[in-house]
C-alpha atoms as a PDB file:
ATOM      1  CA  ARG A   1      98.297 127.028  71.828  1.00  0.00           C
ATOM      2  CA  CYS A   2      99.796 124.710  74.430  1.00  0.00           C
ATOM      3  CA  ALA A   3      98.565 125.672  77.910  1.00  0.00           C
ATOM      4  CA  SER A   4     102.063 125.120  79.332  1.00  0.00           C
ATOM      5  CA  CYS A   5     104.719 126.288  76.859  1.00  0.00           C
ATOM      6  CA  LYS A   6     102.427 128.485  74.713  1.00  0.00           C
ATOM      7  CA  ARG A   7     103.666 126.948  71.453  1.00  0.00           C
ATOM      8  CA  ALA A   8     101.107 126.567  68.697  1.00  0.00           C
ATOM      9  CA  ASN A   9     101.615 122.855  68.029  1.00  0.00           C
ATOM     10  CA  VAL A  10      98.807 121.409  70.206  1.00  0.00           C
ATOM     11  CA  SER A  11      98.419 117.702  69.626  1.00  0.00           C
ATOM     12  CA  HIS A  12      96.913 116.422  72.891  1.00  0.00           C
ATOM     13  CA  TYR A  13      94.331 117.327  75.482  1.00  0.00           C
ATOM     14  CA  LEU A  14      94.798 116.305  79.094  1.00  0.00           C
ATOM     15  CA  ALA A  15      92.129 117.162  81.661  1.00  0.00           C
ATOM     16  CA  GLY A  16      90.675 119.557  79.113  1.00  0.00           C
ATOM     17  CA  GLN A  17      93.951 121.439  78.647  1.00  0.00           C
ATOM     18  CA  PRO A  18      95.492 121.748  75.173  1.00  0.00           C
ATOM     19  CA  LEU A  19      99.102 120.529  75.296  1.00  0.00           C
ATOM     20  CA  CYS A  20     101.918 119.860  72.862  1.00  0.00           C
ATOM     21  CA  SER A  21     103.331 116.315  72.866  1.00  0.00           C
ATOM     22  CA  VAL A  22     106.357 117.270  75.021  1.00  0.00           C
ATOM     23  CA  CYS A  23     104.289 119.045  77.695  1.00  0.00           C
ATOM     24  CA  CYS A  24     101.699 116.255  77.654  1.00  0.00           C
ATOM     25  CA  LEU A  25     104.396 113.689  78.452  1.00  0.00           C
ATOM     26  CA  GLN A  26     105.882 115.900  81.186  1.00  0.00           C
ATOM     27  CA  LYS A  27     102.440 116.476  82.707  1.00  0.00           C
ATOM     28  CA  LYS A  28     101.722 112.719  82.754  1.00  0.00           C
ATOM     29  CA  GLN A  29     105.063 112.181  84.520  1.00  0.00           C
ATOM     30  CA  GLY A  30     104.154 114.779  87.154  1.00  0.00           C
ATOM     31  CA  SER A  31     106.771 117.263  85.955  1.00  0.00           C
ATOM     32  CA  PHE A  32     104.758 120.441  86.361  1.00  0.00           C
ATOM     33  CA  CYS A  33     104.503 123.296  88.829  1.00  0.00           C
ATOM     34  CA  PRO A  34     101.363 122.844  90.968  1.00  0.00           C
ATOM     35  CA  LEU A  35     100.791 126.613  91.033  1.00  0.00           C
ATOM     36  CA  CYS A  36     100.997 127.623  87.356  1.00  0.00           C
ATOM     37  CA  GLU A  37     100.762 124.061  85.965  1.00  0.00           C
ATOM     38  CA  GLY A  38     103.681 124.887  83.664  1.00  0.00           C
ATOM     39  CA  CYS A  39     105.632 121.776  82.685  1.00  0.00           C
ATOM     40  CA  TYR A  40     109.373 121.408  83.089  1.00  0.00           C
ATOM     41  CA  ASP A  41     112.108 119.055  81.948  1.00  0.00           C
ATOM     42  CA  GLU A  42     113.554 116.854  84.694  1.00  0.00           C
ATOM     43  CA  ASN A  43     117.059 117.731  83.437  1.00  0.00           C
ATOM     44  CA  ASP A  44     116.502 121.500  83.632  1.00  0.00           C
ATOM     45  CA  TYR A  45     118.865 122.670  86.347  1.00  0.00           C
ATOM     46  CA  GLU A  46     118.760 126.327  85.321  1.00  0.00           C
ATOM     47  CA  THR A  47     115.155 127.140  86.277  1.00  0.00           C
ATOM     48  CA  ARG A  48     114.843 128.165  89.918  1.00  0.00           C
ATOM     49  CA  MET A  49     112.483 125.710  91.610  1.00  0.00           C
ATOM     50  CA  MET A  50     111.840 124.399  95.111  1.00  0.00           C
ATOM     51  CA  GLU A  51     110.424 121.073  96.268  1.00  0.00           C
ATOM     52  CA  CYS A  52     107.344 121.350  98.471  1.00  0.00           C
ATOM     53  CA  ALA A  53     107.588 119.220 101.617  1.00  0.00           C
ATOM     54  CA  HIS A  54     103.789 118.893 101.725  1.00  0.00           C
ATOM     55  CA  CYS A  55     102.687 118.021  98.166  1.00  0.00           C
ATOM     56  CA  GLY A  56     106.061 116.783  96.843  1.00  0.00           C
ATOM     57  CA  GLY A  57     105.773 118.967  93.739  1.00  0.00           C
ATOM     58  CA  TRP A  58     108.450 121.246  92.363  1.00  0.00           C
ATOM     59  CA  VAL A  59     107.370 124.884  92.317  1.00  0.00           C
ATOM     60  CA  HIS A  60     108.810 127.743  90.259  1.00  0.00           C
ATOM     61  CA  ALA A  61     110.338 130.381  92.527  1.00  0.00           C
ATOM     62  CA  LYS A  62     108.667 133.059  90.390  1.00  0.00           C
ATOM     63  CA  CYS A  63     105.236 131.466  91.042  1.00  0.00           C
ATOM     64  CA  GLU A  64     105.862 131.944  94.767  1.00  0.00           C
ATOM     65  CA  GLY A  65     107.085 135.508  94.257  1.00  0.00           C
ATOM     66  CA  ILE A  66     110.613 134.616  95.338  1.00  0.00           C
ATOM     67  CA  ASN A  67     113.316 136.714  93.698  1.00  0.00           C
ATOM     68  CA  PHE A  68     116.883 135.604  92.970  1.00  0.00           C
ATOM     69  CA  GLU A  69     118.276 136.893  96.277  1.00  0.00           C
ATOM     70  CA  LYS A  70     115.651 135.143  98.397  1.00  0.00           C
ATOM     71  CA  TYR A  71     116.073 131.967  96.341  1.00  0.00           C
ATOM     72  CA  GLN A  72     119.821 131.990  97.029  1.00  0.00           C
ATOM     73  CA  ILE A  73     119.173 132.373 100.761  1.00  0.00           C
ATOM     74  CA  LEU A  74     116.646 129.519 100.749  1.00  0.00           C
ATOM     75  CA  SER A  75     119.058 127.256  98.882  1.00  0.00           C
ATOM     76  CA  TYR A  76     121.626 127.592 101.689  1.00  0.00           C
ATOM     77  CA  LEU A  77     119.220 126.632 104.474  1.00  0.00           C
ATOM     78  CA  PRO A  78     119.702 123.172 106.011  1.00  0.00           C
ATOM     79  CA  ASP A  79     117.495 120.303 104.828  1.00  0.00           C
ATOM     80  CA  THR A  80     115.688 120.378 108.158  1.00  0.00           C
ATOM     81  CA  VAL A  81     114.009 123.640 107.097  1.00  0.00           C
ATOM     82  CA  GLU A  82     111.099 122.582 104.901  1.00  0.00           C
ATOM     83  CA  TYR A  83     109.468 124.623 102.181  1.00  0.00           C
ATOM     84  CA  VAL A  84     105.661 124.372 101.759  1.00  0.00           C
ATOM     85  CA  CYS A  85     104.025 125.853  98.653  1.00  0.00           C
ATOM     86  CA  LYS A  86     100.899 128.007  98.570  1.00  0.00           C
END
């Protein structure tokens, strides 16, 4: 199974991780959460994610333990307030 999306169609290995072709491409492009290493599509605007000011990665809100209400509050903060992932 793919280490990112959990589908059974593994066709590549990257850094020892089994990945499907889609997740392998996303991982190579840097489109993955640094906490869970789950890949994401650059055009996915539905998944709640935040950009880390320190590492530059996009982190799933659920990986940080941030619920919908807290995510909404964070999204209204000014750009001068920086988010830093775990």
